[in-house]
C-alpha cells in the first residue's frame, strides 16, 4: 500500500501492477500514459523490475520516477512492449490507437472518445471495442479488483496477434 495521497482507490496501483505482470509476462518496457505522479510506474519498476516510464505532459511525477513530460502519441507505441492507460483522459484515443502495433491495457474514466455524444461507462467501452475490432484487433473487457465504477478495462491486442478473446 502507498503512503502518498491519491484520488480514488489507492489499491488500484497495486492491483494494476500485479495484473500487468501476470497477464503480460513478456512485457519489459511499459508506457504509463497520463500516469500523473507515477505510482504505477514506481511499482512496476521497484516491485517487478520492469522498465516503465510515465508519459504525461504535466510532469508531476514523484522523485525518482522516470517520465517524459510530453503528450503521448500512438507513434511512440513501437518503443514499448505494453501501453497502459489508467484513466488516460485526453490521451484516450492515442492509447487505443497504439493497439494497432502493441498490446494495450486501458481503463477509461471519462468520455474523451466522442465529443459529439454523451457516453456512459458501458457505451464508452463498447465504442472503443467496436472501433478496435473494426481495425482487425481483438478486445477483451475485464473488471479489475479495485473499487469501481472506474475499474472496467479493455485489453486490446493488435491485428494478427493472439489474444484470449476476440
C-alpha atoms as a PDB file:
ATOM      1  CA  UNK A   1       0.000   0.000   0.000  1.00  0.00           C
ATOM      2  CA  UNK A   2       1.215   3.508  -0.747  1.00  0.00           C
ATOM      3  CA  UNK A   3       1.777   6.288   1.748  1.00  0.00           C
ATOM      4  CA  UNK A   4       1.034   9.014  -0.792  1.00  0.00           C
ATOM      5  CA  UNK A   5      -2.347  10.695  -1.212  1.00  0.00           C
ATOM      6  CA  UNK A   6      -4.283   9.987  -4.397  1.00  0.00           C
ATOM      7  CA  UNK A   7      -7.837  10.462  -5.559  1.00  0.00           C
ATOM      8  CA  UNK A   8      -9.848   7.257  -5.872  1.00  0.00           C
ATOM      9  CA  UNK A   9      -8.988   3.801  -4.638  1.00  0.00           C
ATOM     10  CA  UNK A  10      -5.299   3.720  -3.699  1.00  0.00           C
ATOM     11  CA  UNK A  11      -5.189  -0.059  -4.219  1.00  0.00           C
ATOM     12  CA  UNK A  12      -5.663   0.436  -7.981  1.00  0.00           C
ATOM     13  CA  UNK A  13      -1.916   0.831  -8.490  1.00  0.00           C
ATOM     14  CA  UNK A  14      -1.051  -2.417  -6.698  1.00  0.00           C
ATOM     15  CA  UNK A  15      -3.869  -4.295  -8.433  1.00  0.00           C
ATOM     16  CA  UNK A  16      -2.925  -2.992 -11.859  1.00  0.00           C
ATOM     17  CA  UNK A  17       0.808  -3.651 -11.414  1.00  0.00           C
ATOM     18  CA  UNK A  18       0.134  -7.243 -10.377  1.00  0.00           C
ATOM     19  CA  UNK A  19      -2.299  -7.701 -13.263  1.00  0.00           C
ATOM     20  CA  UNK A  20       0.155  -6.286 -15.807  1.00  0.00           C
ATOM     21  CA  UNK A  21       2.948  -8.626 -14.767  1.00  0.00           C
ATOM     22  CA  UNK A  22       0.685 -11.689 -14.618  1.00  0.00           C
ATOM     23  CA  UNK A  23      -1.134 -11.051 -17.895  1.00  0.00           C
ATOM     24  CA  UNK A  24       1.815  -9.689 -19.898  1.00  0.00           C
ATOM     25  CA  UNK A  25       4.858 -11.596 -18.588  1.00  0.00           C
ATOM     26  CA  UNK A  26       6.789 -10.866 -21.797  1.00  0.00           C
ATOM     27  CA  UNK A  27       6.457  -7.088 -21.371  1.00  0.00           C
ATOM     28  CA  UNK A  28       9.669  -5.409 -20.324  1.00  0.00           C
ATOM     29  CA  UNK A  29       9.178  -1.784 -21.461  1.00  0.00           C
ATOM     30  CA  UNK A  30       5.911  -0.209 -20.329  1.00  0.00           C
ATOM     31  CA  UNK A  31       4.409   3.195 -21.077  1.00  0.00           C
ATOM     32  CA  UNK A  32       2.264   4.529 -18.235  1.00  0.00           C
ATOM     33  CA  UNK A  33       0.273   7.075 -20.239  1.00  0.00           C
ATOM     34  CA  UNK A  34      -1.121  10.077 -18.353  1.00  0.00           C
ATOM     35  CA  UNK A  35       0.370   8.405 -15.293  1.00  0.00           C
ATOM     36  CA  UNK A  36       0.268  11.507 -13.126  1.00  0.00           C
ATOM     37  CA  UNK A  37       2.595  11.165 -10.150  1.00  0.00           C
ATOM     38  CA  UNK A  38       3.866   7.807 -11.399  1.00  0.00           C
ATOM     39  CA  UNK A  39       2.822   5.422  -8.635  1.00  0.00           C
ATOM     40  CA  UNK A  40       2.057   2.646 -11.146  1.00  0.00           C
ATOM     41  CA  UNK A  41       5.426   3.169 -12.807  1.00  0.00           C
ATOM     42  CA  UNK A  42       7.165   3.122  -9.428  1.00  0.00           C
ATOM     43  CA  UNK A  43       5.547  -0.211  -8.523  1.00  0.00           C
ATOM     44  CA  UNK A  44       6.277  -1.768 -11.918  1.00  0.00           C
ATOM     45  CA  UNK A  45       9.927  -0.775 -11.611  1.00  0.00           C
ATOM     46  CA  UNK A  46      10.651  -1.459  -7.932  1.00  0.00           C
ATOM     47  CA  UNK A  47       8.445  -4.451  -7.217  1.00  0.00           C
ATOM     48  CA  UNK A  48       8.516  -6.179 -10.602  1.00  0.00           C
ATOM     49  CA  UNK A  49      11.741  -4.977 -12.251  1.00  0.00           C
ATOM     50  CA  UNK A  50      10.140  -3.590 -15.404  1.00  0.00           C
ATOM     51  CA  UNK A  51      11.421  -0.652 -17.421  1.00  0.00           C
ATOM     52  CA  UNK A  52       8.381   1.581 -17.058  1.00  0.00           C
ATOM     53  CA  UNK A  53       8.032   5.312 -17.516  1.00  0.00           C
ATOM     54  CA  UNK A  54       5.292   7.886 -17.244  1.00  0.00           C
ATOM     55  CA  UNK A  55       4.360   9.768 -20.402  1.00  0.00           C
ATOM     56  CA  UNK A  56       2.375  12.779 -19.215  1.00  0.00           C
ATOM     57  CA  UNK A  57       2.695  16.410 -20.291  1.00  0.00           C
ATOM     58  CA  UNK A  58       2.013  17.649 -16.752  1.00  0.00           C
ATOM     59  CA  UNK A  59       5.391  16.437 -15.444  1.00  0.00           C
ATOM     60  CA  UNK A  60       4.184  15.811 -11.870  1.00  0.00           C
ATOM     61  CA  UNK A  61       5.984  12.576 -11.074  1.00  0.00           C
ATOM     62  CA  UNK A  62       7.275  11.543  -7.686  1.00  0.00           C
ATOM     63  CA  UNK A  63      11.002  11.806  -7.081  1.00  0.00           C
ATOM     64  CA  UNK A  64      12.931   9.056  -8.865  1.00  0.00           C
ATOM     65  CA  UNK A  65      10.127   8.083 -11.257  1.00  0.00           C
ATOM     66  CA  UNK A  66      11.274   8.298 -14.890  1.00  0.00           C
ATOM     67  CA  UNK A  67       8.998  10.384 -17.049  1.00  0.00           C
ATOM     68  CA  UNK A  68       8.595  12.037 -20.401  1.00  0.00           C
ATOM     69  CA  UNK A  69       6.877  15.387 -19.866  1.00  0.00           C
ATOM     70  CA  UNK A  70       5.136  15.396 -23.232  1.00  0.00           C
ATOM     71  CA  UNK A  71       1.803  14.385 -24.709  1.00  0.00           C
ATOM     72  CA  UNK A  72       1.554  10.702 -25.584  1.00  0.00           C
ATOM     73  CA  UNK A  73       1.181   9.887 -29.267  1.00  0.00           C
ATOM     74  CA  UNK A  74       0.385   6.474 -30.727  1.00  0.00           C
ATOM     75  CA  UNK A  75       3.542   6.757 -32.840  1.00  0.00           C
ATOM     76  CA  UNK A  76       5.522   6.163 -29.622  1.00  0.00           C
ATOM     77  CA  UNK A  77       3.973   2.700 -29.149  1.00  0.00           C
ATOM     78  CA  UNK A  78       6.691   0.952 -31.166  1.00  0.00           C
ATOM     79  CA  UNK A  79       9.176   1.758 -28.397  1.00  0.00           C
ATOM     80  CA  UNK A  80       7.198  -0.134 -25.726  1.00  0.00           C
ATOM     81  CA  UNK A  81       6.118  -3.737 -25.188  1.00  0.00           C
ATOM     82  CA  UNK A  82       2.897  -2.617 -23.496  1.00  0.00           C
ATOM     83  CA  UNK A  83       0.963   0.631 -23.318  1.00  0.00           C
ATOM     84  CA  UNK A  84      -1.101   1.209 -20.159  1.00  0.00           C
ATOM     85  CA  UNK A  85      -3.680   3.955 -19.833  1.00  0.00           C
ATOM     86  CA  UNK A  86      -5.125   4.045 -16.311  1.00  0.00           C
ATOM     87  CA  UNK A  87      -7.649   6.860 -16.714  1.00  0.00           C
ATOM     88  CA  UNK A  88      -5.769   8.452 -19.632  1.00  0.00           C
ATOM     89  CA  UNK A  89      -8.221  11.347 -20.121  1.00  0.00           C
ATOM     90  CA  UNK A  90      -7.344  13.325 -23.292  1.00  0.00           C
ATOM     91  CA  UNK A  91      -4.806  10.653 -24.337  1.00  0.00           C
ATOM     92  CA  UNK A  92      -7.540   8.006 -24.642  1.00  0.00           C
ATOM     93  CA  UNK A  93      -7.662   7.876 -28.450  1.00  0.00           C
ATOM     94  CA  UNK A  94      -3.871   7.800 -28.758  1.00  0.00           C
ATOM     95  CA  UNK A  95      -3.678   4.963 -26.220  1.00  0.00           C
ATOM     96  CA  UNK A  96      -6.330   2.974 -28.098  1.00  0.00           C
ATOM     97  CA  UNK A  97      -4.661   3.650 -31.459  1.00  0.00           C
ATOM     98  CA  UNK A  98      -1.434   2.238 -30.007  1.00  0.00           C
ATOM     99  CA  UNK A  99      -3.145  -1.166 -30.077  1.00  0.00           C
ATOM    100  CA  UNK A 100      -2.567  -1.291 -33.812  1.00  0.00           C
ATOM    101  CA  UNK A 101       1.067  -2.203 -33.055  1.00  0.00           C
ATOM    102  CA  UNK A 102       1.305  -3.105 -29.332  1.00  0.00           C
ATOM    103  CA  UNK A 103      -0.885  -4.649 -26.655  1.00  0.00           C
ATOM    104  CA  UNK A 104      -2.803  -2.040 -24.688  1.00  0.00           C
ATOM    105  CA  UNK A 105      -4.449  -2.108 -21.287  1.00  0.00           C
ATOM    106  CA  UNK A 106      -6.811   0.848 -20.992  1.00  0.00           C
ATOM    107  CA  UNK A 107      -9.058   1.811 -18.094  1.00  0.00           C
ATOM    108  CA  UNK A 108     -11.062   4.734 -19.472  1.00  0.00           C
ATOM    109  CA  UNK A 109     -12.650   7.079 -16.984  1.00  0.00           C
ATOM    110  CA  UNK A 110     -14.158   9.899 -18.995  1.00  0.00           C
ATOM    111  CA  UNK A 111     -15.587  10.249 -22.458  1.00  0.00           C
ATOM    112  CA  UNK A 112     -12.695  11.711 -24.367  1.00  0.00           C
ATOM    113  CA  UNK A 113     -13.623   9.327 -27.170  1.00  0.00           C
ATOM    114  CA  UNK A 114     -16.598  11.060 -28.790  1.00  0.00           C
ATOM    115  CA  UNK A 115     -17.154  14.716 -28.023  1.00  0.00           C
ATOM    116  CA  UNK A 116     -20.398  14.778 -30.028  1.00  0.00           C
ATOM    117  CA  UNK A 117     -22.373  12.383 -27.856  1.00  0.00           C
ATOM    118  CA  UNK A 118     -22.563  11.523 -24.203  1.00  0.00           C
ATOM    119  CA  UNK A 119     -21.193   8.061 -23.440  1.00  0.00           C
ATOM    120  CA  UNK A 120     -21.531   6.342 -20.090  1.00  0.00           C
ATOM    121  CA  UNK A 121     -19.011   3.736 -18.985  1.00  0.00           C
ATOM    122  CA  UNK A 122     -20.575   0.800 -20.833  1.00  0.00           C
ATOM    123  CA  UNK A 123     -21.204   2.791 -24.014  1.00  0.00           C
ATOM    124  CA  UNK A 124     -17.642   4.097 -23.944  1.00  0.00           C
ATOM    125  CA  UNK A 125     -16.185   0.604 -23.586  1.00  0.00           C
ATOM    126  CA  UNK A 126     -18.459  -0.637 -26.394  1.00  0.00           C
ATOM    127  CA  UNK A 127     -17.453   2.212 -28.720  1.00  0.00           C
ATOM    128  CA  UNK A 128     -13.730   1.581 -28.148  1.00  0.00           C
ATOM    129  CA  UNK A 129     -14.211  -2.159 -28.625  1.00  0.00           C
ATOM    130  CA  UNK A 130     -16.147  -1.672 -31.879  1.00  0.00           C
ATOM    131  CA  UNK A 131     -13.518   0.743 -33.187  1.00  0.00           C
ATOM    132  CA  UNK A 132     -10.622  -1.588 -32.454  1.00  0.00           C
ATOM    133  CA  UNK A 133     -12.369  -4.693 -33.801  1.00  0.00           C
ATOM    134  CA  UNK A 134     -13.241  -2.805 -37.000  1.00  0.00           C
ATOM    135  CA  UNK A 135      -9.497  -2.349 -37.494  1.00  0.00           C
ATOM    136  CA  UNK A 136      -8.929  -6.104 -37.108  1.00  0.00           C
ATOM    137  CA  UNK A 137      -7.794  -6.111 -33.495  1.00  0.00           C
ATOM    138  CA  UNK A 138      -9.061  -8.123 -30.567  1.00  0.00           C
ATOM    139  CA  UNK A 139     -10.666  -6.639 -27.462  1.00  0.00           C
ATOM    140  CA  UNK A 140     -11.417  -8.161 -24.085  1.00  0.00           C
ATOM    141  CA  UNK A 141     -13.455  -6.419 -21.368  1.00  0.00           C
ATOM    142  CA  UNK A 142     -12.301  -7.122 -17.819  1.00  0.00           C
ATOM    143  CA  UNK A 143     -13.158  -5.844 -14.363  1.00  0.00           C
ATOM    144  CA  UNK A 144     -10.167  -5.119 -12.166  1.00  0.00           C
ATOM    145  CA  UNK A 145     -10.132  -5.901  -8.449  1.00  0.00           C
ATOM    146  CA  UNK A 146     -10.302  -2.411  -7.033  1.00  0.00           C
ATOM    147  CA  UNK A 147     -13.228  -0.210  -6.055  1.00  0.00           C
ATOM    148  CA  UNK A 148     -15.277   0.953  -9.070  1.00  0.00           C
ATOM    149  CA  UNK A 149     -17.012   2.177 -11.075  1.00  0.00           C
ATOM    150  CA  UNK A 150     -13.821   3.227 -12.934  1.00  0.00           C
ATOM    151  CA  UNK A 151     -12.351  -0.280 -12.703  1.00  0.00           C
ATOM    152  CA  UNK A 152     -13.577  -1.664 -16.028  1.00  0.00           C
ATOM    153  CA  UNK A 153     -10.774  -2.127 -18.526  1.00  0.00           C
ATOM    154  CA  UNK A 154     -10.115  -3.262 -22.057  1.00  0.00           C
ATOM    155  CA  UNK A 155      -7.229  -5.372 -23.216  1.00  0.00           C
ATOM    156  CA  UNK A 156      -6.636  -4.505 -26.847  1.00  0.00           C
ATOM    157  CA  UNK A 157      -4.440  -6.750 -28.955  1.00  0.00           C
ATOM    158  CA  UNK A 158      -3.025  -5.705 -32.342  1.00  0.00           C
ATOM    159  CA  UNK A 159      -4.433  -7.209 -35.518  1.00  0.00           C
ATOM    160  CA  UNK A 160      -2.928 -10.637 -36.144  1.00  0.00           C
ATOM    161  CA  UNK A 161      -1.639 -11.033 -32.589  1.00  0.00           C
ATOM    162  CA  UNK A 162      -3.118 -13.804 -30.446  1.00  0.00           C
ATOM    163  CA  UNK A 163      -5.342 -12.778 -27.562  1.00  0.00           C
ATOM    164  CA  UNK A 164      -7.625 -14.550 -25.139  1.00  0.00           C
ATOM    165  CA  UNK A 165     -10.930 -13.344 -26.589  1.00  0.00           C
ATOM    166  CA  UNK A 166     -11.821 -11.715 -29.852  1.00  0.00           C
END
